[in-house]
Amino acid sequence: MKIQSEGGSSLRLSNKKNQIIFNPLSTPSGEVDIIALSEPKTTTELNSKKLFNLPGEFEVSGILAQGFFTDDQTNVAYKVVVEEVAVVHFGNLKEVPTSDFFEKLGENVDVIVLALNENFDDKKAKILMDKLDPRMVILIGDSTYFAAMTAKTGAKMAEEEALTLTKSGLSDDKTDVIILNV
């Protein structure tokens, strides 16, 4: 699967069969299977087979997806399983979620995607990473926070615009931290 930042908290996940876009900044071109919006009840005219903007469990085109509120019902995080890799896109976090959230999310989390910004900075991101201990963390968002995350975690800038990810390519021994720039 390929993972590509599209700016802010927007991210595209794709493979040979499917396209998923989290928080698109504009109307996507081409066929998209799932568009997942982190802000509940956001209404927009977006071209996709399925638009998610609330918590729940879904299956579209063979992709299993779950949405969870992370806080006071202003942000939805999505867990999707693509090619046997469980990816959680945390949306537009303001705070580290409560322990109730982590119980609902479950233990099967391979990759987390965190959008850094003025409300969810490097300190909060590090706390969340330590709670989940995923195999990989992908950082997107405001680049002013990337240096601090690199110092805290040894994050590396992705060499390509799109990151290619496979289950077998994920480390079992440590958490790899990758920065995806637009």
C-alpha atoms as a PDB file:
ATOM      1  CA  MET A   1       0.000   0.000   0.000  1.00  0.00           C
ATOM      2  CA  LYS A   2       1.054   3.586  -0.568  1.00  0.00           C
ATOM      3  CA  ILE A   3       0.546   6.385   1.942  1.00  0.00           C
ATOM      4  CA  GLN A   4       0.810  10.017   0.889  1.00  0.00           C
ATOM      5  CA  SER A   5       0.273  13.297   2.750  1.00  0.00           C
ATOM      6  CA  GLU A   6      -1.947  15.818   1.012  1.00  0.00           C
ATOM      7  CA  GLY A   7      -1.359  18.675   3.488  1.00  0.00           C
ATOM      8  CA  GLY A   8      -2.684  19.396   6.977  1.00  0.00           C
ATOM      9  CA  SER A   9      -4.360  16.255   8.331  1.00  0.00           C
ATOM     10  CA  SER A  10      -5.207  15.037   4.823  1.00  0.00           C
ATOM     11  CA  LEU A  11      -3.811  11.636   3.879  1.00  0.00           C
ATOM     12  CA  ARG A  12      -4.283   9.262   0.939  1.00  0.00           C
ATOM     13  CA  LEU A  13      -3.984   5.494   1.400  1.00  0.00           C
ATOM     14  CA  SER A  14      -4.047   3.442  -1.787  1.00  0.00           C
ATOM     15  CA  ASN A  15      -3.317   0.022  -3.203  1.00  0.00           C
ATOM     16  CA  LYS A  16      -4.067  -1.689  -6.531  1.00  0.00           C
ATOM     17  CA  LYS A  17      -7.765  -1.971  -5.682  1.00  0.00           C
ATOM     18  CA  ASN A  18      -8.668   0.826  -3.283  1.00  0.00           C
ATOM     19  CA  GLN A  19      -8.334   4.538  -2.522  1.00  0.00           C
ATOM     20  CA  ILE A  20      -9.036   6.006   0.916  1.00  0.00           C
ATOM     21  CA  ILE A  21      -8.694   9.708   1.679  1.00  0.00           C
ATOM     22  CA  PHE A  22      -8.787  11.114   5.187  1.00  0.00           C
ATOM     23  CA  ASN A  23      -9.802  14.780   5.553  1.00  0.00           C
ATOM     24  CA  PRO A  24      -9.419  15.849   1.899  1.00  0.00           C
ATOM     25  CA  LEU A  25      -8.562  19.509   1.401  1.00  0.00           C
ATOM     26  CA  SER A  26     -10.423  19.601  -1.912  1.00  0.00           C
ATOM     27  CA  THR A  27     -12.594  17.367  -4.066  1.00  0.00           C
ATOM     28  CA  PRO A  28     -10.424  14.366  -4.983  1.00  0.00           C
ATOM     29  CA  SER A  29      -9.899  13.448  -8.602  1.00  0.00           C
ATOM     30  CA  GLY A  30     -10.453   9.867  -9.726  1.00  0.00           C
ATOM     31  CA  GLU A  31     -12.393   7.105  -8.055  1.00  0.00           C
ATOM     32  CA  VAL A  32     -12.232   7.017  -4.269  1.00  0.00           C
ATOM     33  CA  ASP A  33     -13.665   4.144  -2.238  1.00  0.00           C
ATOM     34  CA  ILE A  34     -13.765   5.860   1.153  1.00  0.00           C
ATOM     35  CA  ILE A  35     -13.554   9.439   2.306  1.00  0.00           C
ATOM     36  CA  ALA A  36     -13.246   9.725   6.082  1.00  0.00           C
ATOM     37  CA  LEU A  37     -13.782  13.089   7.747  1.00  0.00           C
ATOM     38  CA  SER A  38     -12.563  13.668  11.301  1.00  0.00           C
ATOM     39  CA  GLU A  39     -15.138  16.334  12.031  1.00  0.00           C
ATOM     40  CA  PRO A  40     -18.524  14.780  12.756  1.00  0.00           C
ATOM     41  CA  LYS A  41     -21.552  15.972  10.809  1.00  0.00           C
ATOM     42  CA  THR A  42     -19.397  17.732   8.219  1.00  0.00           C
ATOM     43  CA  THR A  43     -21.480  17.916   5.074  1.00  0.00           C
ATOM     44  CA  THR A  44     -19.739  18.226   1.771  1.00  0.00           C
ATOM     45  CA  GLU A  45     -20.138  17.073  -1.800  1.00  0.00           C
ATOM     46  CA  LEU A  46     -17.284  14.646  -2.224  1.00  0.00           C
ATOM     47  CA  ASN A  47     -17.114  11.937  -4.855  1.00  0.00           C
ATOM     48  CA  SER A  48     -16.642   8.541  -3.192  1.00  0.00           C
ATOM     49  CA  LYS A  49     -18.402   5.200  -2.781  1.00  0.00           C
ATOM     50  CA  LYS A  50     -18.769   5.899   0.939  1.00  0.00           C
ATOM     51  CA  LEU A  51     -18.375   9.009   3.092  1.00  0.00           C
ATOM     52  CA  PHE A  52     -17.720   8.533   6.814  1.00  0.00           C
ATOM     53  CA  ASN A  53     -18.042  11.368   9.284  1.00  0.00           C
ATOM     54  CA  LEU A  54     -19.299   9.638  12.435  1.00  0.00           C
ATOM     55  CA  PRO A  55     -18.179   6.719  14.608  1.00  0.00           C
ATOM     56  CA  GLY A  56     -19.214   3.203  13.618  1.00  0.00           C
ATOM     57  CA  GLU A  57     -18.081   0.038  11.858  1.00  0.00           C
ATOM     58  CA  PHE A  58     -18.034  -0.174   8.083  1.00  0.00           C
ATOM     59  CA  GLU A  59     -16.877  -2.389   5.248  1.00  0.00           C
ATOM     60  CA  VAL A  60     -16.459  -0.956   1.759  1.00  0.00           C
ATOM     61  CA  SER A  61     -14.752  -2.710  -1.156  1.00  0.00           C
ATOM     62  CA  GLY A  62     -13.177  -5.249   1.210  1.00  0.00           C
ATOM     63  CA  ILE A  63     -11.778  -2.581   3.554  1.00  0.00           C
ATOM     64  CA  LEU A  64     -12.735  -2.855   7.208  1.00  0.00           C
ATOM     65  CA  ALA A  65     -13.072   0.542   8.888  1.00  0.00           C
ATOM     66  CA  GLN A  66     -14.022   1.716  12.355  1.00  0.00           C
ATOM     67  CA  GLY A  67     -14.533   5.266  13.554  1.00  0.00           C
ATOM     68  CA  PHE A  68     -14.159   6.367  17.188  1.00  0.00           C
ATOM     69  CA  PHE A  69     -14.663   9.684  18.970  1.00  0.00           C
ATOM     70  CA  THR A  70     -11.337  10.688  20.526  1.00  0.00           C
ATOM     71  CA  ASP A  71     -12.590  13.413  22.828  1.00  0.00           C
ATOM     72  CA  ASP A  72     -15.744  15.417  23.476  1.00  0.00           C
ATOM     73  CA  GLN A  73     -17.285  14.320  20.172  1.00  0.00           C
ATOM     74  CA  THR A  74     -15.467  16.884  18.031  1.00  0.00           C
ATOM     75  CA  ASN A  75     -12.937  14.512  16.424  1.00  0.00           C
ATOM     76  CA  VAL A  76     -13.287  11.057  14.903  1.00  0.00           C
ATOM     77  CA  ALA A  77     -10.268   8.757  14.528  1.00  0.00           C
ATOM     78  CA  TYR A  78     -10.454   5.946  11.965  1.00  0.00           C
ATOM     79  CA  LYS A  79      -8.915   2.492  12.083  1.00  0.00           C
ATOM     80  CA  VAL A  80      -8.716   0.795   8.695  1.00  0.00           C
ATOM     81  CA  VAL A  81      -7.246  -2.571   7.782  1.00  0.00           C
ATOM     82  CA  VAL A  82      -5.664  -2.669   4.329  1.00  0.00           C
ATOM     83  CA  GLU A  83      -3.478  -5.556   3.168  1.00  0.00           C
ATOM     84  CA  GLU A  84      -3.470  -6.920   6.734  1.00  0.00           C
ATOM     85  CA  VAL A  85      -2.021  -3.661   8.113  1.00  0.00           C
ATOM     86  CA  ALA A  86      -4.110  -1.856  10.747  1.00  0.00           C
ATOM     87  CA  VAL A  87      -3.707   1.904  10.291  1.00  0.00           C
ATOM     88  CA  VAL A  88      -5.195   4.490  12.663  1.00  0.00           C
ATOM     89  CA  HIS A  89      -5.595   8.053  11.412  1.00  0.00           C
ATOM     90  CA  PHE A  90      -6.145  10.219  14.489  1.00  0.00           C
ATOM     91  CA  GLY A  91      -7.648  13.171  12.628  1.00  0.00           C
ATOM     92  CA  ASN A  92      -7.391  16.579  14.261  1.00  0.00           C
ATOM     93  CA  LEU A  93      -6.549  15.732  17.862  1.00  0.00           C
ATOM     94  CA  LYS A  94      -6.435  18.376  20.547  1.00  0.00           C
ATOM     95  CA  GLU A  95      -5.618  16.102  23.492  1.00  0.00           C
ATOM     96  CA  VAL A  96      -4.367  12.569  24.060  1.00  0.00           C
ATOM     97  CA  PRO A  97      -7.502  10.368  24.171  1.00  0.00           C
ATOM     98  CA  THR A  98      -8.724   8.813  27.409  1.00  0.00           C
ATOM     99  CA  SER A  99      -8.205   5.179  28.378  1.00  0.00           C
ATOM    100  CA  ASP A 100     -11.798   4.428  27.255  1.00  0.00           C
ATOM    101  CA  PHE A 101     -10.772   5.292  23.714  1.00  0.00           C
ATOM    102  CA  PHE A 102      -7.819   2.884  23.804  1.00  0.00           C
ATOM    103  CA  GLU A 103     -10.059   0.059  25.058  1.00  0.00           C
ATOM    104  CA  LYS A 104     -12.419   0.574  22.099  1.00  0.00           C
ATOM    105  CA  LEU A 105      -9.517   0.850  19.638  1.00  0.00           C
ATOM    106  CA  GLY A 106      -8.100  -2.515  20.681  1.00  0.00           C
ATOM    107  CA  GLU A 107      -4.556  -3.829  20.567  1.00  0.00           C
ATOM    108  CA  ASN A 108      -4.168  -4.580  16.867  1.00  0.00           C
ATOM    109  CA  VAL A 109      -2.590  -1.303  15.718  1.00  0.00           C
ATOM    110  CA  ASP A 110       0.367  -1.455  13.343  1.00  0.00           C
ATOM    111  CA  VAL A 111       0.609   2.150  12.131  1.00  0.00           C
ATOM    112  CA  ILE A 112      -0.643   5.418  13.584  1.00  0.00           C
ATOM    113  CA  VAL A 113      -0.914   8.702  11.696  1.00  0.00           C
ATOM    114  CA  LEU A 114      -0.602  11.886  13.741  1.00  0.00           C
ATOM    115  CA  ALA A 115      -1.222  15.376  12.377  1.00  0.00           C
ATOM    116  CA  LEU A 116       0.907  17.804  14.367  1.00  0.00           C
ATOM    117  CA  ASN A 117      -0.422  21.309  14.911  1.00  0.00           C
ATOM    118  CA  GLU A 118      -0.682  24.051  17.544  1.00  0.00           C
ATOM    119  CA  ASN A 119      -3.302  22.034  19.457  1.00  0.00           C
ATOM    120  CA  PHE A 120      -1.544  18.653  19.193  1.00  0.00           C
ATOM    121  CA  ASP A 121       2.187  19.235  19.410  1.00  0.00           C
ATOM    122  CA  ASP A 122       5.279  17.051  19.750  1.00  0.00           C
ATOM    123  CA  LYS A 123       4.821  16.556  23.517  1.00  0.00           C
ATOM    124  CA  LYS A 124       1.273  15.193  23.168  1.00  0.00           C
ATOM    125  CA  ALA A 125       2.263  13.125  20.141  1.00  0.00           C
ATOM    126  CA  LYS A 126       5.073  11.453  22.116  1.00  0.00           C
ATOM    127  CA  ILE A 127       2.673  10.594  24.977  1.00  0.00           C
ATOM    128  CA  LEU A 128       0.240   8.999  22.503  1.00  0.00           C
ATOM    129  CA  MET A 129       3.024   7.068  20.782  1.00  0.00           C
ATOM    130  CA  ASP A 130       4.214   5.679  24.112  1.00  0.00           C
ATOM    131  CA  LYS A 131       0.673   4.580  25.070  1.00  0.00           C
ATOM    132  CA  LEU A 132       0.077   2.670  21.836  1.00  0.00           C
ATOM    133  CA  ASP A 133       3.599   1.474  20.999  1.00  0.00           C
ATOM    134  CA  PRO A 134       2.793   0.889  17.293  1.00  0.00           C
ATOM    135  CA  ARG A 135       5.203  -0.596  14.779  1.00  0.00           C
ATOM    136  CA  MET A 136       5.259   2.692  12.830  1.00  0.00           C
ATOM    137  CA  VAL A 137       4.238   6.312  13.369  1.00  0.00           C
ATOM    138  CA  ILE A 138       3.619   8.581  10.393  1.00  0.00           C
ATOM    139  CA  LEU A 139       3.792  12.298  11.116  1.00  0.00           C
ATOM    140  CA  ILE A 140       1.998  14.842   8.947  1.00  0.00           C
ATOM    141  CA  GLY A 141       0.744  18.385   9.532  1.00  0.00           C
ATOM    142  CA  ASP A 142       2.615  21.502  10.590  1.00  0.00           C
ATOM    143  CA  SER A 143       6.307  21.086   9.720  1.00  0.00           C
ATOM    144  CA  THR A 144       7.387  23.450  12.529  1.00  0.00           C
ATOM    145  CA  TYR A 145       6.923  20.509  14.946  1.00  0.00           C
ATOM    146  CA  PHE A 146       8.960  17.999  12.924  1.00  0.00           C
ATOM    147  CA  ALA A 147      12.360  19.017  14.371  1.00  0.00           C
ATOM    148  CA  ALA A 148      11.166  18.489  17.946  1.00  0.00           C
ATOM    149  CA  MET A 149       9.733  15.074  17.029  1.00  0.00           C
ATOM    150  CA  THR A 150      12.991  14.140  15.338  1.00  0.00           C
ATOM    151  CA  ALA A 151      14.881  15.034  18.527  1.00  0.00           C
ATOM    152  CA  LYS A 152      12.449  13.049  20.724  1.00  0.00           C
ATOM    153  CA  THR A 153      11.997   9.974  18.535  1.00  0.00           C
ATOM    154  CA  GLY A 154      14.704   9.866  15.873  1.00  0.00           C
ATOM    155  CA  ALA A 155      12.057  10.493  13.191  1.00  0.00           C
ATOM    156  CA  LYS A 156      13.249  10.278   9.603  1.00  0.00           C
ATOM    157  CA  MET A 157      11.957  12.226   6.617  1.00  0.00           C
ATOM    158  CA  ALA A 158      10.437   9.951   3.974  1.00  0.00           C
ATOM    159  CA  GLU A 159      12.667   9.747   0.929  1.00  0.00           C
ATOM    160  CA  GLU A 160       9.750   9.643  -1.509  1.00  0.00           C
ATOM    161  CA  GLU A 161       6.543  11.648  -1.716  1.00  0.00           C
ATOM    162  CA  ALA A 162       4.557   8.446  -1.087  1.00  0.00           C
ATOM    163  CA  LEU A 163       5.555   5.854   1.484  1.00  0.00           C
ATOM    164  CA  THR A 164       5.244   2.218   0.380  1.00  0.00           C
ATOM    165  CA  LEU A 165       4.201  -0.026   3.247  1.00  0.00           C
ATOM    166  CA  THR A 166       3.854  -3.785   3.665  1.00  0.00           C
ATOM    167  CA  LYS A 167       3.098  -5.911   6.733  1.00  0.00           C
ATOM    168  CA  SER A 168       6.449  -7.700   6.383  1.00  0.00           C
ATOM    169  CA  GLY A 169       8.259  -4.343   6.081  1.00  0.00           C
ATOM    170  CA  LEU A 170       7.157  -3.207   9.541  1.00  0.00           C
ATOM    171  CA  SER A 171       9.647  -3.631  12.373  1.00  0.00           C
ATOM    172  CA  ASP A 172       8.825  -6.032  15.214  1.00  0.00           C
ATOM    173  CA  ASP A 173      11.559  -4.650  17.455  1.00  0.00           C
ATOM    174  CA  LYS A 174      11.067  -0.891  17.450  1.00  0.00           C
ATOM    175  CA  THR A 175       8.725   1.888  16.408  1.00  0.00           C
ATOM    176  CA  ASP A 176       9.812   3.571  13.177  1.00  0.00           C
ATOM    177  CA  VAL A 177       8.824   7.258  12.997  1.00  0.00           C
ATOM    178  CA  ILE A 178       8.461   8.682   9.490  1.00  0.00           C
ATOM    179  CA  ILE A 179       7.698  12.266   8.484  1.00  0.00           C
ATOM    180  CA  LEU A 180       5.615  12.685   5.356  1.00  0.00           C
ATOM    181  CA  ASN A 181       5.853  16.142   3.887  1.00  0.00           C
ATOM    182  CA  VAL A 182       3.552  17.392   1.158  1.00  0.00           C
END
